[in-house]
Protein backbone atom coordinates (compact mmCIF):
# COMPACT_ATOMS: atom_id res chain seq x y z
CA UNK A 1 242.37 110.56 -0.84
CA UNK A 2 238.70 110.43 -1.83
CA UNK A 3 235.95 110.14 0.78
CA UNK A 4 234.44 107.16 -1.05
CA UNK A 5 237.60 105.20 -0.20
CA UNK A 6 237.11 105.53 3.56
CA UNK A 7 233.41 106.37 4.10
CA UNK A 8 231.09 104.10 6.03
CA UNK A 9 229.22 102.28 3.27
CA UNK A 10 226.96 100.43 5.72
CA UNK A 11 224.88 103.36 6.89
CA UNK A 12 222.08 102.51 9.27
CA UNK A 13 218.94 103.92 7.67
CA UNK A 14 215.30 104.43 8.44
CA UNK A 15 212.41 106.46 7.05
CA UNK A 16 210.36 109.21 8.68
CA UNK A 17 207.59 106.78 9.60
CA UNK A 18 209.92 104.40 11.48
CA UNK A 19 208.94 104.15 15.14
CA UNK A 20 211.36 105.60 17.69
CA UNK A 21 211.54 102.18 19.33
CA UNK A 22 212.78 100.76 16.02
CA UNK A 23 215.22 103.66 15.55
CA UNK A 24 216.73 103.00 18.96
CA UNK A 25 216.84 99.26 18.22
CA UNK A 26 218.72 99.96 14.97
CA UNK A 27 221.25 102.08 16.87
CA UNK A 28 221.69 99.40 19.54
CA UNK A 29 222.11 96.56 17.03
CA UNK A 30 224.60 98.46 14.89
CA UNK A 31 226.54 100.07 17.72
CA UNK A 32 226.01 103.44 16.06
CA UNK A 33 224.98 106.61 17.86
CA UNK A 34 222.99 107.87 14.86
CA UNK A 35 220.65 106.73 12.09
CA UNK A 36 220.43 108.27 8.63
CA UNK A 37 216.84 109.12 7.69
CA UNK A 38 216.10 108.61 4.00
CA UNK A 39 213.17 109.49 1.75
CA UNK A 40 212.33 105.80 1.22
CA UNK A 41 214.15 102.48 1.16
CA UNK A 42 213.52 102.25 -2.59
CA UNK A 43 214.91 105.78 -3.07
CA UNK A 44 217.41 106.27 -0.22
CA UNK A 45 217.92 110.01 -0.57
CA UNK A 46 219.10 111.39 2.81
CA UNK A 47 216.71 113.89 4.38
CA UNK A 48 217.96 113.94 7.94
CA UNK A 49 219.56 112.23 10.87
CA UNK A 50 218.65 111.13 14.37
CA UNK A 51 221.23 110.80 17.12
CA UNK A 52 220.94 109.35 20.59
CA UNK A 53 221.35 112.92 21.82
CA UNK A 54 218.36 114.05 19.70
CA UNK A 55 216.19 111.41 21.32
CA UNK A 56 217.40 112.30 24.81
CA UNK A 57 216.95 116.05 24.43
CA UNK A 58 213.74 116.15 22.40
CA UNK A 59 211.85 113.30 24.00
CA UNK A 60 213.22 112.22 27.36
CA UNK A 61 214.47 115.70 28.32
CA UNK A 62 211.04 117.17 27.69
CA UNK A 63 209.24 114.39 29.54
CA UNK A 64 207.48 113.18 26.40
CA UNK A 65 206.42 109.57 25.95
CA UNK A 66 208.27 108.06 22.96
CA UNK A 67 205.61 105.37 22.44
CA UNK A 68 203.80 105.98 19.19
CA UNK A 69 206.34 108.56 18.02
CA UNK A 70 208.24 108.21 14.79
CA UNK A 71 211.54 109.38 13.37
CA UNK A 72 209.73 112.46 12.04
CA UNK A 73 209.23 113.65 15.64
CA UNK A 74 212.98 114.06 16.28
CA UNK A 75 214.41 114.26 12.78
CA UNK A 76 217.22 116.78 12.33
CA UNK A 77 217.03 118.02 8.73
CA UNK A 78 220.15 120.16 8.99
CA UNK A 79 222.32 117.73 7.04
CA UNK A 80 225.39 118.23 4.90
CA UNK A 81 225.65 116.30 1.63
CA UNK A 82 228.54 115.94 -0.80
CA UNK A 83 229.29 113.89 -3.89
CA UNK A 84 231.28 110.70 -3.50
CA UNK A 85 234.29 111.98 -5.46
CA UNK A 86 235.07 114.66 -2.86
CA UNK A 87 238.59 114.56 -1.42
CA UNK A 88 239.15 114.27 2.31
CA UNK A 89 240.65 117.79 2.31
CA UNK A 90 237.54 119.20 0.65
CA UNK A 91 235.34 117.25 3.04
CA UNK A 92 237.18 118.62 6.08
CA UNK A 93 236.77 122.16 4.76
CA UNK A 94 233.06 121.52 4.21
CA UNK A 95 232.70 120.17 7.76
CA UNK A 96 234.45 123.25 9.11
CA UNK A 97 232.29 125.68 7.14
CA UNK A 98 229.03 123.90 7.97
CA UNK A 99 230.07 123.18 11.59
CA UNK A 100 229.28 119.53 11.00
CA UNK A 101 230.91 116.37 12.29
CA UNK A 102 229.18 114.19 9.67
CA UNK A 103 228.63 114.38 5.92
CA UNK A 104 226.22 112.29 3.86
CA UNK A 105 228.01 111.05 0.75
CA UNK A 106 225.68 110.79 -2.24
CA UNK A 107 225.90 109.92 -5.91
CA UNK A 108 224.95 112.23 -8.80
CA UNK A 109 221.27 111.36 -8.26
CA UNK A 110 221.37 112.28 -4.57
CA UNK A 111 221.19 108.63 -3.44
CA UNK A 112 222.99 107.83 -0.20
CA UNK A 113 226.29 106.01 -0.76
CA UNK A 114 227.57 106.31 2.80
CA UNK A 115 228.52 108.67 5.57
CA UNK A 116 231.81 110.03 6.79
CA UNK A 117 232.75 111.66 10.04
CA UNK A 118 235.64 113.86 11.05
CA UNK A 119 236.86 110.96 13.23
CA UNK A 120 236.95 108.58 10.24
CA UNK A 121 239.02 111.09 8.26
CA UNK A 122 241.36 111.59 11.22
CA UNK A 123 241.83 107.83 11.57
CA UNK A 124 242.64 107.49 7.87
CA UNK A 125 245.11 110.38 8.16
CA UNK A 126 246.84 108.56 11.03
CA UNK A 127 247.26 105.48 8.81
CA UNK A 128 248.55 107.37 5.76
CA UNK A 129 251.37 109.87 6.33
CA UNK A 130 250.56 111.70 3.08
CA UNK A 131 247.02 112.40 4.29
CA UNK A 132 248.25 113.77 7.61
CA UNK A 133 248.45 117.26 6.19
CA UNK A 134 244.73 117.19 5.42
CA UNK A 135 243.85 118.01 9.01
CA UNK A 136 246.26 120.89 9.45
CA UNK A 137 245.48 122.23 5.97
CA UNK A 138 241.73 122.15 6.62
CA UNK A 139 242.11 124.09 9.86
CA UNK A 140 243.48 127.07 7.95
CA UNK A 141 240.53 127.32 5.54
CA UNK A 142 237.41 129.28 6.35
CA UNK A 143 235.77 128.97 2.94
CA UNK A 144 235.42 126.62 0.00
CA UNK A 145 237.10 127.79 -3.15
CA UNK A 146 234.84 128.54 -6.13
CA UNK A 147 236.49 125.64 -7.98
CA UNK A 148 234.79 123.13 -5.71
CA UNK A 149 231.40 122.67 -7.30
CA UNK A 150 230.64 119.15 -6.14
CA UNK A 151 229.35 120.23 -2.76
CA UNK A 152 225.63 120.59 -2.10
């Protein structure tokens, strides 16, 4: 199964200059615990992510006032990107290698197409018996084979 078949195509996005109040509002409205930060709305190339945990640890946990702060103040730029024709098996291996729960799915130009999480892959594996082996197969890999050249 390809990740583009099950990825979240309605990613909540913002830019680096989005206020933290707006970021939190976007999370609340969407029911998501993270926001994808993109270069610009006109050119939505993913450059980072912000989670509720990031806000708690970096702002509230340090006693900082979030008023006047922007996404750039808490942006996590350690993101994993992959092309949209990646298989779920390949994606799970990538997540394992990069110790990531989330992958940004992009097109050939690096434009955000969606996101996928380990949980979304697990749910799809539960629905499709043939994909069930993806999880156990991925657990046995500790590297990506040289033949996989679609991973950033």
